[in-house]
Protein backbone atom coordinates (compact mmCIF):
# COMPACT_ATOMS: atom_id res chain seq x y z
CA MET A 1 -168.59 -289.04 -37.52
CA ASP A 2 -165.97 -291.10 -35.78
CA PHE A 3 -163.08 -291.60 -38.24
CA HIS A 4 -160.85 -294.67 -37.98
CA GLU A 5 -157.68 -294.81 -40.12
CA TYR A 6 -155.86 -298.10 -40.70
CA PRO A 7 -152.29 -298.74 -41.89
CA ASP A 8 -153.50 -300.99 -44.73
CA ARG A 9 -156.69 -302.40 -46.26
CA GLU A 10 -156.11 -305.95 -45.04
CA MET A 11 -156.06 -304.84 -41.40
CA MET A 12 -159.08 -302.64 -41.93
CA MET A 13 -161.14 -305.43 -43.48
CA LEU A 14 -160.29 -307.78 -40.64
CA ARG A 15 -161.00 -305.26 -37.90
CA VAL A 16 -164.33 -304.22 -39.46
CA ALA A 17 -165.38 -307.88 -39.79
CA GLN A 18 -164.50 -308.48 -36.10
CA ARG A 19 -166.45 -305.40 -35.08
CA ILE A 20 -169.52 -306.46 -37.03
CA ALA A 21 -169.35 -309.98 -35.65
CA SER A 22 -169.16 -308.61 -32.12
CA GLU A 23 -172.13 -306.30 -32.63
CA LEU A 24 -174.21 -309.05 -34.23
CA GLY A 25 -173.41 -311.22 -31.23
CA GLU A 26 -174.57 -308.45 -28.88
CA SER A 27 -177.85 -308.13 -30.74
CA LEU A 28 -178.40 -311.88 -30.73
CA ARG A 29 -177.83 -312.07 -27.00
CA ALA A 30 -180.07 -309.12 -26.26
CA ASN A 31 -182.87 -309.71 -28.74
CA GLY A 32 -182.57 -313.29 -29.98
CA ARG A 33 -182.25 -312.00 -33.52
CA ALA A 34 -180.21 -309.59 -35.63
CA THR A 35 -180.41 -307.88 -38.99
CA LEU A 36 -177.28 -307.09 -40.99
CA SER A 37 -177.39 -304.77 -44.01
CA VAL A 38 -174.41 -304.66 -46.35
CA PRO A 39 -173.35 -303.03 -49.61
CA GLY A 40 -172.67 -304.71 -52.89
CA GLY A 41 -169.61 -304.17 -55.00
CA THR A 42 -166.18 -305.78 -54.57
CA THR A 43 -164.79 -303.53 -51.76
CA PRO A 44 -166.44 -305.33 -48.82
CA GLY A 45 -165.63 -308.80 -50.15
CA PRO A 46 -162.78 -309.44 -47.67
CA VAL A 47 -165.14 -308.43 -44.82
CA PHE A 48 -167.66 -310.98 -46.07
CA ASP A 49 -165.00 -313.69 -46.39
CA THR A 50 -164.10 -313.29 -42.72
CA LEU A 51 -167.67 -313.00 -41.49
CA SER A 52 -168.77 -316.16 -43.29
CA GLY A 53 -166.54 -318.21 -40.98
CA VAL A 54 -167.53 -316.55 -37.69
CA ASP A 55 -169.21 -318.74 -35.09
CA LEU A 56 -172.58 -317.01 -34.61
CA ASP A 57 -176.16 -318.25 -34.49
CA TRP A 58 -176.57 -317.32 -38.12
CA SER A 59 -179.99 -318.97 -38.31
CA GLN A 60 -181.29 -315.98 -36.33
CA VAL A 61 -179.55 -313.38 -38.52
CA SER A 62 -181.32 -311.71 -41.46
CA VAL A 63 -179.19 -310.20 -44.18
CA VAL A 64 -180.39 -307.50 -46.55
CA LEU A 65 -178.46 -305.51 -49.12
CA ASN A 66 -178.29 -301.73 -48.88
CA ASP A 67 -179.49 -301.69 -52.51
CA GLU A 68 -179.79 -303.84 -55.56
CA ARG A 69 -179.64 -303.34 -59.33
CA TRP A 70 -182.86 -304.41 -61.04
CA VAL A 71 -181.18 -307.41 -62.69
CA ALA A 72 -181.63 -311.16 -62.28
CA GLU A 73 -179.37 -312.94 -59.79
CA ASP A 74 -177.48 -314.70 -62.58
CA SER A 75 -176.29 -311.37 -63.91
CA PRO A 76 -172.67 -310.41 -63.17
CA ARG A 77 -174.09 -307.02 -62.10
CA SER A 78 -176.20 -308.57 -59.32
CA ASN A 79 -175.26 -307.62 -55.75
CA THR A 80 -177.21 -310.66 -54.51
CA ARG A 81 -174.98 -312.90 -56.56
CA LEU A 82 -171.90 -311.44 -54.91
CA LEU A 83 -173.47 -311.82 -51.50
CA ARG A 84 -174.10 -315.51 -52.03
CA GLU A 85 -170.56 -316.05 -53.27
CA ARG A 86 -168.75 -314.17 -50.51
CA LEU A 87 -170.96 -313.95 -47.36
CA LEU A 88 -173.77 -316.52 -47.38
CA ARG A 89 -171.50 -319.55 -47.31
CA GLY A 90 -169.72 -321.55 -44.65
CA LYS A 91 -171.24 -320.91 -41.25
CA ALA A 92 -173.13 -317.86 -42.55
CA ALA A 93 -175.01 -320.00 -45.06
CA GLN A 94 -177.68 -320.43 -42.37
CA ALA A 95 -178.52 -316.69 -42.44
CA ARG A 96 -181.80 -315.59 -43.96
CA LEU A 97 -181.48 -313.42 -47.10
CA ILE A 98 -184.15 -310.72 -47.43
CA PRO A 99 -184.56 -310.18 -51.21
CA LEU A 100 -184.47 -306.81 -52.94
CA PHE A 101 -185.28 -308.22 -56.38
CA ALA A 102 -188.29 -310.04 -57.82
CA ASP A 103 -188.97 -311.23 -61.35
CA PHE A 104 -190.96 -308.22 -62.54
CA PRO A 105 -190.08 -305.87 -65.40
CA ALA A 106 -189.55 -302.81 -63.14
CA PRO A 107 -188.94 -302.27 -59.43
CA GLU A 108 -192.10 -300.25 -58.96
CA THR A 109 -194.25 -303.27 -59.78
CA ALA A 110 -192.65 -305.41 -57.06
CA ILE A 111 -191.82 -302.90 -54.35
CA GLU A 112 -194.88 -303.43 -52.14
CA GLY A 113 -194.12 -307.13 -51.75
CA LEU A 114 -190.46 -306.48 -51.09
CA ILE A 115 -191.34 -303.93 -48.40
CA ASP A 116 -193.65 -306.48 -46.75
CA GLY A 117 -190.79 -308.92 -46.66
CA LEU A 118 -188.37 -306.41 -45.15
CA LEU A 119 -190.47 -304.71 -42.46
CA PRO A 120 -190.43 -307.63 -39.93
CA HIS A 121 -186.62 -307.45 -39.90
CA LEU A 122 -186.27 -303.76 -39.09
CA PRO A 123 -184.63 -301.94 -37.51
CA VAL A 124 -181.25 -302.94 -38.87
CA SER A 125 -178.97 -304.07 -36.05
CA VAL A 126 -175.67 -303.48 -37.88
CA LEU A 127 -175.46 -301.38 -41.06
CA LEU A 128 -172.36 -301.45 -43.26
CA LEU A 129 -172.32 -298.83 -46.03
CA GLY A 130 -170.01 -297.94 -48.83
CA MET A 131 -169.72 -294.57 -50.56
CA GLY A 132 -168.89 -293.43 -54.04
CA GLU A 133 -166.66 -290.50 -54.94
CA ASP A 134 -169.87 -288.64 -55.79
CA MET A 135 -170.86 -289.12 -52.14
CA HIS A 136 -173.75 -291.49 -52.88
CA THR A 137 -174.49 -294.36 -50.53
CA ALA A 138 -176.78 -297.34 -51.13
CA SER A 139 -178.58 -296.13 -54.31
CA LEU A 140 -179.13 -292.66 -52.98
CA PHE A 141 -177.38 -290.80 -55.80
CA PRO A 142 -177.10 -287.02 -56.06
CA GLY A 143 -179.59 -285.96 -58.68
CA ALA A 144 -181.53 -289.24 -58.67
CA ASP A 145 -185.19 -289.11 -59.62
CA ASN A 146 -186.55 -290.06 -56.20
CA LEU A 147 -183.74 -288.82 -53.99
CA GLU A 148 -185.68 -286.03 -52.24
CA ALA A 149 -188.54 -288.42 -51.37
CA ALA A 150 -186.10 -291.10 -50.16
CA LEU A 151 -184.46 -288.61 -47.80
CA GLY A 152 -187.77 -287.61 -46.24
CA ALA A 153 -188.75 -288.64 -42.76
CA ASP A 154 -191.91 -290.32 -44.10
CA ALA A 155 -190.23 -292.30 -46.86
CA PRO A 156 -191.18 -295.94 -47.20
CA SER A 157 -188.41 -298.43 -46.28
CA LEU A 158 -187.62 -299.16 -49.92
CA MET A 159 -187.85 -297.03 -53.02
CA ALA A 160 -187.01 -297.42 -56.70
CA MET A 161 -184.23 -295.13 -57.87
CA ARG A 162 -182.93 -294.04 -61.24
CA ALA A 163 -179.87 -291.90 -61.86
CA GLU A 164 -177.44 -291.37 -64.70
CA ALA A 165 -174.59 -292.72 -62.60
CA ALA A 166 -176.57 -295.78 -61.54
CA GLY A 167 -176.86 -297.58 -64.88
CA GLU A 168 -179.80 -299.97 -64.33
CA PRO A 169 -182.82 -299.03 -62.26
CA ARG A 170 -182.15 -299.70 -58.58
CA ILE A 171 -184.06 -300.49 -55.41
CA THR A 172 -182.65 -299.00 -52.23
CA LEU A 173 -183.10 -298.70 -48.51
CA THR A 174 -184.22 -295.16 -47.77
CA ALA A 175 -182.72 -292.63 -45.39
CA PRO A 176 -185.11 -293.33 -42.49
CA VAL A 177 -184.06 -297.02 -42.49
CA LEU A 178 -180.38 -296.09 -42.64
CA ARG A 179 -180.75 -293.57 -39.82
CA ALA A 180 -182.70 -295.99 -37.66
CA ALA A 181 -179.94 -298.59 -37.68
CA VAL A 182 -178.58 -299.35 -34.23
CA ARG A 183 -174.96 -299.33 -35.39
CA VAL A 184 -173.64 -297.69 -38.57
CA HIS A 185 -170.31 -298.31 -40.30
CA VAL A 186 -168.98 -296.76 -43.50
CA LEU A 187 -166.14 -298.56 -45.32
CA ILE A 188 -164.04 -296.57 -47.80
CA THR A 189 -160.62 -296.76 -49.43
CA GLY A 190 -158.31 -294.34 -51.24
CA ALA A 191 -157.51 -290.65 -51.00
CA ALA A 192 -160.37 -289.54 -53.25
CA LYS A 193 -163.03 -291.09 -51.04
CA ARG A 194 -161.40 -289.67 -47.90
CA ASP A 195 -161.60 -286.24 -49.48
CA ALA A 196 -165.21 -286.90 -50.49
CA ILE A 197 -166.39 -287.94 -47.03
CA GLU A 198 -164.73 -284.92 -45.48
CA ARG A 199 -166.56 -282.71 -47.96
CA ALA A 200 -169.81 -284.57 -47.34
CA ALA A 201 -169.68 -283.75 -43.65
CA LYS A 202 -170.19 -280.09 -44.58
CA LEU A 203 -172.92 -280.62 -47.14
CA SER A 204 -176.66 -281.43 -47.04
CA PRO A 205 -177.89 -284.96 -47.77
CA ARG A 206 -179.41 -283.68 -51.02
CA GLU A 207 -175.92 -282.70 -52.15
CA ALA A 208 -174.10 -285.59 -50.48
CA PRO A 209 -176.50 -288.44 -49.55
CA ILE A 210 -173.95 -290.11 -47.26
CA ALA A 211 -174.38 -287.08 -44.99
CA CYS A 212 -177.72 -288.44 -43.80
CA VAL A 213 -175.91 -290.95 -41.54
CA LEU A 214 -172.53 -289.31 -40.81
CA ASP A 215 -173.58 -287.95 -37.41
CA GLN A 216 -173.94 -291.51 -36.11
CA ALA A 217 -171.42 -293.36 -38.26
CA GLN A 218 -168.12 -295.08 -37.61
CA VAL A 219 -166.06 -294.39 -40.74
CA HIS A 220 -163.28 -296.86 -41.59
CA TRP A 221 -160.62 -295.80 -44.07
CA ALA A 222 -157.40 -297.13 -45.48
CA GLU A 223 -155.36 -295.96 -48.44
């Protein structure tokens, strides 16, 4: 991994947003389209705020979450809700959102249709990931029920995932999709996550799922 340390979080968020905007622009110029995949949670919010005002041809950009909780969009736990509030506004409101949720009782009953909706937008042009202190990324949690299958080279692009640490059932991009991304960034903050990602670099993806992308990732860290 290439490790980038910043003097403070504000500078890191700005620099990461600028880097992503530049890479999306490169993909648009080369291919006429781009796909951006981003995490949920509050950490990347400042990156989204900056990106939403960037002058790009957002109408040719598809946006997909790394993962989603199996909850309706009006739930405060919905990653899609956060994405609409922080990224898909301003100039970026023209981007196309690729859904990872459908109104079915469980992710397994909707996953085929969601995969069909995602496949035309792969590979991901720019992938932004987060990481938990347990070294999970997306919803690839250590000990999750479908982790081993999701790490396999023949995994479908999306899989349902359940883990004690996850709370609700999740739907997640799988390791082959993450590894196939053209550009990979990991955004983390705090001493505990720096320690975790340094440990992950020495572990297997089964033990530390973030390890599945570290050989190609730009890791961005600030205290």
